[in-house]
PDB file of N, CA and C in Angstrom:
ATOM      1  N   MET A   1     -46.629  -3.393 -85.700  1.00  0.00           N
ATOM      2  CA  MET A   1     -46.361  -3.133 -87.101  1.00  0.00           C
ATOM      3  C   MET A   1     -47.575  -2.452 -87.704  1.00  0.00           C
ATOM      4  N   GLY A   2     -47.348  -1.514 -88.592  1.00  0.00           N
ATOM      5  CA  GLY A   2     -48.443  -0.850 -89.281  1.00  0.00           C
ATOM      6  C   GLY A   2     -48.922  -1.671 -90.464  1.00  0.00           C
ATOM      7  N   THR A   3     -50.221  -1.668 -90.678  1.00  0.00           N
ATOM      8  CA  THR A   3     -50.783  -2.427 -91.797  1.00  0.00           C
ATOM      9  C   THR A   3     -50.423  -1.821 -93.149  1.00  0.00           C
ATOM     10  N   GLU A   4     -49.956  -0.571 -93.155  1.00  0.00           N
ATOM     11  CA  GLU A   4     -49.570   0.098 -94.403  1.00  0.00           C
ATOM     12  C   GLU A   4     -48.057   0.271 -94.490  1.00  0.00           C
ATOM     13  N   ASP A   5     -47.304  -0.605 -93.827  1.00  0.00           N
ATOM     14  CA  ASP A   5     -45.842  -0.559 -93.850  1.00  0.00           C
ATOM     15  C   ASP A   5     -45.366  -0.717 -95.289  1.00  0.00           C
ATOM     16  N   ASP A   6     -44.506   0.202 -95.746  1.00  0.00           N
ATOM     17  CA  ASP A   6     -44.019   0.140 -97.122  1.00  0.00           C
ATOM     18  C   ASP A   6     -42.653  -0.563 -97.224  1.00  0.00           C
ATOM     19  N   ILE A   7     -42.167  -1.102 -96.092  1.00  0.00           N
ATOM     20  CA  ILE A   7     -40.897  -1.819 -96.072  1.00  0.00           C
ATOM     21  C   ILE A   7     -41.126  -3.327 -95.929  1.00  0.00           C
ATOM     22  N   PHE A   8     -41.991  -3.710 -94.980  1.00  0.00           N
ATOM     23  CA  PHE A   8     -42.279  -5.117 -94.713  1.00  0.00           C
ATOM     24  C   PHE A   8     -43.750  -5.412 -94.974  1.00  0.00           C
ATOM     25  N   GLU A   9     -44.013  -6.602 -95.489  1.00  0.00           N
ATOM     26  CA  GLU A   9     -45.398  -7.038 -95.664  1.00  0.00           C
ATOM     27  C   GLU A   9     -45.913  -7.578 -94.336  1.00  0.00           C
ATOM     28  N   VAL A  10     -47.198  -7.453 -94.112  1.00  0.00           N
ATOM     29  CA  VAL A  10     -47.811  -7.950 -92.881  1.00  0.00           C
ATOM     30  C   VAL A  10     -47.551  -9.444 -92.708  1.00  0.00           C
ATOM     31  N   THR A  11     -47.394 -10.157 -93.815  1.00  0.00           N
ATOM     32  CA  THR A  11     -47.122 -11.596 -93.714  1.00  0.00           C
ATOM     33  C   THR A  11     -45.845 -11.869 -92.927  1.00  0.00           C
ATOM     34  N   HIS A  12     -44.882 -10.950 -92.957  1.00  0.00           N
ATOM     35  CA  HIS A  12     -43.639 -11.133 -92.207  1.00  0.00           C
ATOM     36  C   HIS A  12     -43.910 -11.192 -90.707  1.00  0.00           C
ATOM     37  N   VAL A  13     -44.720 -10.277 -90.206  1.00  0.00           N
ATOM     38  CA  VAL A  13     -45.003 -10.276 -88.768  1.00  0.00           C
ATOM     39  C   VAL A  13     -45.843 -11.502 -88.392  1.00  0.00           C
ATOM     40  N   ASN A  14     -46.729 -11.906 -89.279  1.00  0.00           N
ATOM     41  CA  ASN A  14     -47.533 -13.104 -89.004  1.00  0.00           C
ATOM     42  C   ASN A  14     -46.647 -14.346 -88.897  1.00  0.00           C
ATOM     43  N   LYS A  15     -45.724 -14.507 -89.843  1.00  0.00           N
ATOM     44  CA  LYS A  15     -44.819 -15.663 -89.829  1.00  0.00           C
ATOM     45  C   LYS A  15     -43.885 -15.620 -88.616  1.00  0.00           C
ATOM     46  N   PHE A  16     -43.378 -14.444 -88.294  1.00  0.00           N
ATOM     47  CA  PHE A  16     -42.483 -14.299 -87.146  1.00  0.00           C
ATOM     48  C   PHE A  16     -43.223 -14.634 -85.853  1.00  0.00           C
ATOM     49  N   HIS A  17     -44.430 -14.139 -85.719  1.00  0.00           N
ATOM     50  CA  HIS A  17     -45.249 -14.408 -84.535  1.00  0.00           C
ATOM     51  C   HIS A  17     -45.507 -15.905 -84.392  1.00  0.00           C
ATOM     52  N   GLU A  18     -45.872 -16.549 -85.477  1.00  0.00           N
ATOM     53  CA  GLU A  18     -46.120 -17.999 -85.455  1.00  0.00           C
ATOM     54  C   GLU A  18     -44.859 -18.768 -85.065  1.00  0.00           C
ATOM     55  N   ALA A  19     -43.705 -18.361 -85.593  1.00  0.00           N
ATOM     56  CA  ALA A  19     -42.451 -19.043 -85.275  1.00  0.00           C
ATOM     57  C   ALA A  19     -42.101 -18.894 -83.795  1.00  0.00           C
ATOM     58  N   LEU A  20     -42.311 -17.707 -83.250  1.00  0.00           N
ATOM     59  CA  LEU A  20     -42.049 -17.498 -81.824  1.00  0.00           C
ATOM     60  C   LEU A  20     -42.969 -18.356 -80.965  1.00  0.00           C
ATOM     61  N   GLN A  21     -44.235 -18.407 -81.330  1.00  0.00           N
ATOM     62  CA  GLN A  21     -45.188 -19.211 -80.567  1.00  0.00           C
ATOM     63  C   GLN A  21     -44.813 -20.688 -80.589  1.00  0.00           C
ATOM     64  N   LYS A  22     -44.384 -21.182 -81.749  1.00  0.00           N
ATOM     65  CA  LYS A  22     -44.011 -22.590 -81.880  1.00  0.00           C
ATOM     66  C   LYS A  22     -42.855 -22.968 -80.966  1.00  0.00           C
ATOM     67  N   THR A  23     -41.976 -22.006 -80.686  1.00  0.00           N
ATOM     68  CA  THR A  23     -40.826 -22.291 -79.823  1.00  0.00           C
ATOM     69  C   THR A  23     -41.109 -21.962 -78.360  1.00  0.00           C
ATOM     70  N   GLY A  24     -42.338 -21.517 -78.071  1.00  0.00           N
ATOM     71  CA  GLY A  24     -42.715 -21.242 -76.689  1.00  0.00           C
ATOM     72  C   GLY A  24     -42.348 -19.865 -76.179  1.00  0.00           C
ATOM     73  N   VAL A  25     -41.949 -18.970 -77.077  1.00  0.00           N
ATOM     74  CA  VAL A  25     -41.596 -17.612 -76.673  1.00  0.00           C
ATOM     75  C   VAL A  25     -42.878 -16.825 -76.398  1.00  0.00           C
ATOM     76  N   LYS A  26     -42.935 -16.171 -75.242  1.00  0.00           N
ATOM     77  CA  LYS A  26     -44.085 -15.335 -74.905  1.00  0.00           C
ATOM     78  C   LYS A  26     -44.079 -14.138 -75.851  1.00  0.00           C
ATOM     79  N   CYS A  27     -45.150 -13.995 -76.613  1.00  0.00           N
ATOM     80  CA  CYS A  27     -45.191 -12.921 -77.600  1.00  0.00           C
ATOM     81  C   CYS A  27     -46.633 -12.470 -77.837  1.00  0.00           C
ATOM     82  N   GLU A  28     -46.739 -11.297 -78.397  1.00  0.00           N
ATOM     83  CA  GLU A  28     -48.041 -10.751 -78.761  1.00  0.00           C
ATOM     84  C   GLU A  28     -47.870  -9.982 -80.059  1.00  0.00           C
ATOM     85  N   LYS A  29     -48.807 -10.165 -80.964  1.00  0.00           N
ATOM     86  CA  LYS A  29     -48.757  -9.483 -82.259  1.00  0.00           C
ATOM     87  C   LYS A  29     -49.761  -8.329 -82.240  1.00  0.00           C
ATOM     88  N   VAL A  30     -49.289  -7.155 -82.644  1.00  0.00           N
ATOM     89  CA  VAL A  30     -50.166  -5.988 -82.720  1.00  0.00           C
ATOM     90  C   VAL A  30     -49.998  -5.365 -84.096  1.00  0.00           C
ATOM     91  N   LEU A  31     -51.101  -5.251 -84.817  1.00  0.00           N
ATOM     92  CA  LEU A  31     -51.097  -4.576 -86.116  1.00  0.00           C
ATOM     93  C   LEU A  31     -51.869  -3.272 -85.968  1.00  0.00           C
ATOM     94  N   VAL A  32     -51.224  -2.169 -86.309  1.00  0.00           N
ATOM     95  CA  VAL A  32     -51.840  -0.852 -86.191  1.00  0.00           C
ATOM     96  C   VAL A  32     -52.433  -0.482 -87.541  1.00  0.00           C
ATOM     97  N   GLN A  33     -53.750  -0.427 -87.593  1.00  0.00           N
ATOM     98  CA  GLN A  33     -54.460  -0.142 -88.834  1.00  0.00           C
ATOM     99  C   GLN A  33     -54.066   1.223 -89.405  1.00  0.00           C
ATOM    100  N   GLY A  34     -53.671   1.209 -90.682  1.00  0.00           N
ATOM    101  CA  GLY A  34     -53.373   2.438 -91.403  1.00  0.00           C
ATOM    102  C   GLY A  34     -51.994   3.019 -91.137  1.00  0.00           C
ATOM    103  N   ALA A  35     -51.228   2.451 -90.220  1.00  0.00           N
ATOM    104  CA  ALA A  35     -49.901   2.992 -89.904  1.00  0.00           C
ATOM    105  C   ALA A  35     -48.852   2.405 -90.847  1.00  0.00           C
ATOM    106  N   GLY A  36     -47.829   3.187 -91.101  1.00  0.00           N
ATOM    107  CA  GLY A  36     -46.743   2.748 -91.966  1.00  0.00           C
ATOM    108  C   GLY A  36     -45.550   2.250 -91.174  1.00  0.00           C
ATOM    109  N   HIS A  37     -44.404   2.210 -91.833  1.00  0.00           N
ATOM    110  CA  HIS A  37     -43.160   1.772 -91.206  1.00  0.00           C
ATOM    111  C   HIS A  37     -42.726   2.830 -90.190  1.00  0.00           C
ATOM    112  N   ALA A  38     -42.142   2.400 -89.079  1.00  0.00           N
ATOM    113  CA  ALA A  38     -41.737   3.312 -88.002  1.00  0.00           C
ATOM    114  C   ALA A  38     -42.936   4.151 -87.572  1.00  0.00           C
ATOM    115  N   LEU A  39     -44.037   3.442 -87.315  1.00  0.00           N
ATOM    116  CA  LEU A  39     -45.325   4.075 -87.080  1.00  0.00           C
ATOM    117  C   LEU A  39     -45.329   5.131 -86.003  1.00  0.00           C
ATOM    118  N   ASP A  40     -44.390   5.099 -85.072  1.00  0.00           N
ATOM    119  CA  ASP A  40     -44.405   6.092 -84.002  1.00  0.00           C
ATOM    120  C   ASP A  40     -43.422   7.238 -84.229  1.00  0.00           C
ATOM    121  N   MET A  41     -42.734   7.237 -85.368  1.00  0.00           N
ATOM    122  CA  MET A  41     -41.704   8.237 -85.618  1.00  0.00           C
ATOM    123  C   MET A  41     -42.226   9.672 -85.502  1.00  0.00           C
ATOM    124  N   TRP A  42     -43.385   9.935 -86.035  1.00  0.00           N
ATOM    125  CA  TRP A  42     -43.932  11.292 -86.022  1.00  0.00           C
ATOM    126  C   TRP A  42     -45.078  11.442 -85.032  1.00  0.00           C
ATOM    127  N   ALA A  43     -45.306  10.422 -84.222  1.00  0.00           N
ATOM    128  CA  ALA A  43     -46.417  10.465 -83.268  1.00  0.00           C
ATOM    129  C   ALA A  43     -46.112  11.444 -82.139  1.00  0.00           C
ATOM    130  N   GLU A  44     -47.139  12.121 -81.715  1.00  0.00           N
ATOM    131  CA  GLU A  44     -47.019  13.066 -80.603  1.00  0.00           C
ATOM    132  C   GLU A  44     -46.825  12.293 -79.300  1.00  0.00           C
ATOM    133  N   ILE A  45     -45.810  12.651 -78.532  1.00  0.00           N
ATOM    134  CA  ILE A  45     -45.601  12.006 -77.241  1.00  0.00           C
ATOM    135  C   ILE A  45     -46.795  12.348 -76.358  1.00  0.00           C
ATOM    136  N   GLY A  46     -47.408  11.309 -75.808  1.00  0.00           N
ATOM    137  CA  GLY A  46     -48.613  11.491 -75.001  1.00  0.00           C
ATOM    138  C   GLY A  46     -49.888  11.447 -75.830  1.00  0.00           C
ATOM    139  N   GLY A  47     -49.727  11.332 -77.159  1.00  0.00           N
ATOM    140  CA  GLY A  47     -50.879  11.255 -78.050  1.00  0.00           C
ATOM    141  C   GLY A  47     -51.479   9.856 -78.057  1.00  0.00           C
ATOM    142  N   ASP A  48     -52.509   9.680 -78.867  1.00  0.00           N
ATOM    143  CA  ASP A  48     -53.238   8.412 -78.917  1.00  0.00           C
ATOM    144  C   ASP A  48     -52.344   7.214 -79.231  1.00  0.00           C
ATOM    145  N   LEU A  49     -51.455   7.345 -80.211  1.00  0.00           N
ATOM    146  CA  LEU A  49     -50.597   6.228 -80.594  1.00  0.00           C
ATOM    147  C   LEU A  49     -49.705   5.806 -79.424  1.00  0.00           C
ATOM    148  N   HIS A  50     -49.163   6.785 -78.732  1.00  0.00           N
ATOM    149  CA  HIS A  50     -48.319   6.460 -77.580  1.00  0.00           C
ATOM    150  C   HIS A  50     -49.138   5.833 -76.462  1.00  0.00           C
ATOM    151  N   LYS A  51     -50.317   6.369 -76.203  1.00  0.00           N
ATOM    152  CA  LYS A  51     -51.162   5.841 -75.129  1.00  0.00           C
ATOM    153  C   LYS A  51     -51.675   4.442 -75.442  1.00  0.00           C
ATOM    154  N   GLU A  52     -52.068   4.200 -76.684  1.00  0.00           N
ATOM    155  CA  GLU A  52     -52.722   2.950 -77.059  1.00  0.00           C
ATOM    156  C   GLU A  52     -51.762   1.844 -77.504  1.00  0.00           C
ATOM    157  N   ILE A  53     -50.599   2.209 -78.049  1.00  0.00           N
ATOM    158  CA  ILE A  53     -49.689   1.209 -78.620  1.00  0.00           C
ATOM    159  C   ILE A  53     -48.310   1.218 -77.942  1.00  0.00           C
ATOM    160  N   VAL A  54     -47.633   2.346 -77.948  1.00  0.00           N
ATOM    161  CA  VAL A  54     -46.245   2.390 -77.497  1.00  0.00           C
ATOM    162  C   VAL A  54     -46.127   2.122 -75.995  1.00  0.00           C
ATOM    163  N   THR A  55     -46.879   2.830 -75.174  1.00  0.00           N
ATOM    164  CA  THR A  55     -46.786   2.644 -73.720  1.00  0.00           C
ATOM    165  C   THR A  55     -47.134   1.218 -73.306  1.00  0.00           C
ATOM    166  N   PRO A  56     -48.260   0.643 -73.768  1.00  0.00           N
ATOM    167  CA  PRO A  56     -48.541  -0.747 -73.401  1.00  0.00           C
ATOM    168  C   PRO A  56     -47.454  -1.717 -73.872  1.00  0.00           C
ATOM    169  N   ALA A  57     -46.865  -1.461 -75.052  1.00  0.00           N
ATOM    170  CA  ALA A  57     -45.804  -2.337 -75.550  1.00  0.00           C
ATOM    171  C   ALA A  57     -44.573  -2.267 -74.649  1.00  0.00           C
ATOM    172  N   VAL A  58     -44.196  -1.074 -74.249  1.00  0.00           N
ATOM    173  CA  VAL A  58     -43.040  -0.911 -73.363  1.00  0.00           C
ATOM    174  C   VAL A  58     -43.317  -1.559 -72.008  1.00  0.00           C
ATOM    175  N   GLU A  59     -44.513  -1.378 -71.488  1.00  0.00           N
ATOM    176  CA  GLU A  59     -44.882  -1.997 -70.209  1.00  0.00           C
ATOM    177  C   GLU A  59     -44.854  -3.518 -70.311  1.00  0.00           C
ATOM    178  N   TRP A  60     -45.306  -4.066 -71.437  1.00  0.00           N
ATOM    179  CA  TRP A  60     -45.298  -5.514 -71.651  1.00  0.00           C
ATOM    180  C   TRP A  60     -43.870  -6.047 -71.667  1.00  0.00           C
ATOM    181  N   VAL A  61     -42.985  -5.362 -72.396  1.00  0.00           N
ATOM    182  CA  VAL A  61     -41.582  -5.789 -72.460  1.00  0.00           C
ATOM    183  C   VAL A  61     -40.952  -5.716 -71.067  1.00  0.00           C
ATOM    184  N   ALA A  62     -41.201  -4.633 -70.352  1.00  0.00           N
ATOM    185  CA  ALA A  62     -40.646  -4.484 -69.005  1.00  0.00           C
ATOM    186  C   ALA A  62     -41.148  -5.590 -68.081  1.00  0.00           C
ATOM    187  N   ALA A  63     -42.439  -5.905 -68.164  1.00  0.00           N
ATOM    188  CA  ALA A  63     -43.000  -6.968 -67.325  1.00  0.00           C
ATOM    189  C   ALA A  63     -42.351  -8.311 -67.649  1.00  0.00           C
ATOM    190  N   CYS A  64     -42.125  -8.576 -68.930  1.00  0.00           N
ATOM    191  CA  CYS A  64     -41.469  -9.828 -69.332  1.00  0.00           C
ATOM    192  C   CYS A  64     -40.036  -9.881 -68.803  1.00  0.00           C
ATOM    193  N   ALA A  65     -39.414  -8.721 -68.645  1.00  0.00           N
ATOM    194  CA  ALA A  65     -38.053  -8.659 -68.133  1.00  0.00           C
ATOM    195  C   ALA A  65     -38.016  -8.642 -66.611  1.00  0.00           C
ATOM    196  N   GLY A  66     -39.201  -8.627 -65.988  1.00  0.00           N
ATOM    197  CA  GLY A  66     -39.260  -8.638 -64.525  1.00  0.00           C
ATOM    198  C   GLY A  66     -39.206  -7.281 -63.873  1.00  0.00           C
ATOM    199  N   VAL A  67     -39.330  -6.211 -64.661  1.00  0.00           N
ATOM    200  CA  VAL A  67     -39.321  -4.862 -64.113  1.00  0.00           C
ATOM    201  C   VAL A  67     -40.741  -4.491 -63.698  1.00  0.00           C
ATOM    202  N   LYS A  68     -40.899  -4.066 -62.468  1.00  0.00           N
ATOM    203  CA  LYS A  68     -42.219  -3.676 -61.983  1.00  0.00           C
ATOM    204  C   LYS A  68     -42.524  -2.253 -62.404  1.00  0.00           C
ATOM    205  N   LYS A  69     -43.798  -1.961 -62.649  1.00  0.00           N
ATOM    206  CA  LYS A  69     -44.233  -0.633 -63.086  1.00  0.00           C
ATOM    207  C   LYS A  69     -43.752   0.425 -62.093  1.00  0.00           C
ATOM    208  N   GLY A  70     -43.157   1.483 -62.602  1.00  0.00           N
ATOM    209  CA  GLY A  70     -42.648   2.568 -61.770  1.00  0.00           C
ATOM    210  C   GLY A  70     -41.245   2.303 -61.229  1.00  0.00           C
ATOM    211  N   GLN A  71     -40.681   1.146 -61.531  1.00  0.00           N
ATOM    212  CA  GLN A  71     -39.380   0.760 -61.007  1.00  0.00           C
ATOM    213  C   GLN A  71     -38.226   1.316 -61.870  1.00  0.00           C
ATOM    214  N   ALA A  72     -38.450   1.397 -63.155  1.00  0.00           N
ATOM    215  CA  ALA A  72     -37.357   1.782 -64.061  1.00  0.00           C
ATOM    216  C   ALA A  72     -37.122   3.265 -64.084  1.00  0.00           C
TER     217      ALA A  72
END
């Protein structure tokens, strides 16, 4: 979530993250400084945002689903 999201307040992601943790759901919270809502909408594919945020997030989700890197 971007820290400058104009749709949701950062408190929403904090509360959601805490609720998931309380129920034992494997989760990770990432706040992207200065990014707004749909932070990757205009990001260049292969650019910094994709390399630093989007790709690791997709890899994390795939790993949680049991998909090995390079398998999908």
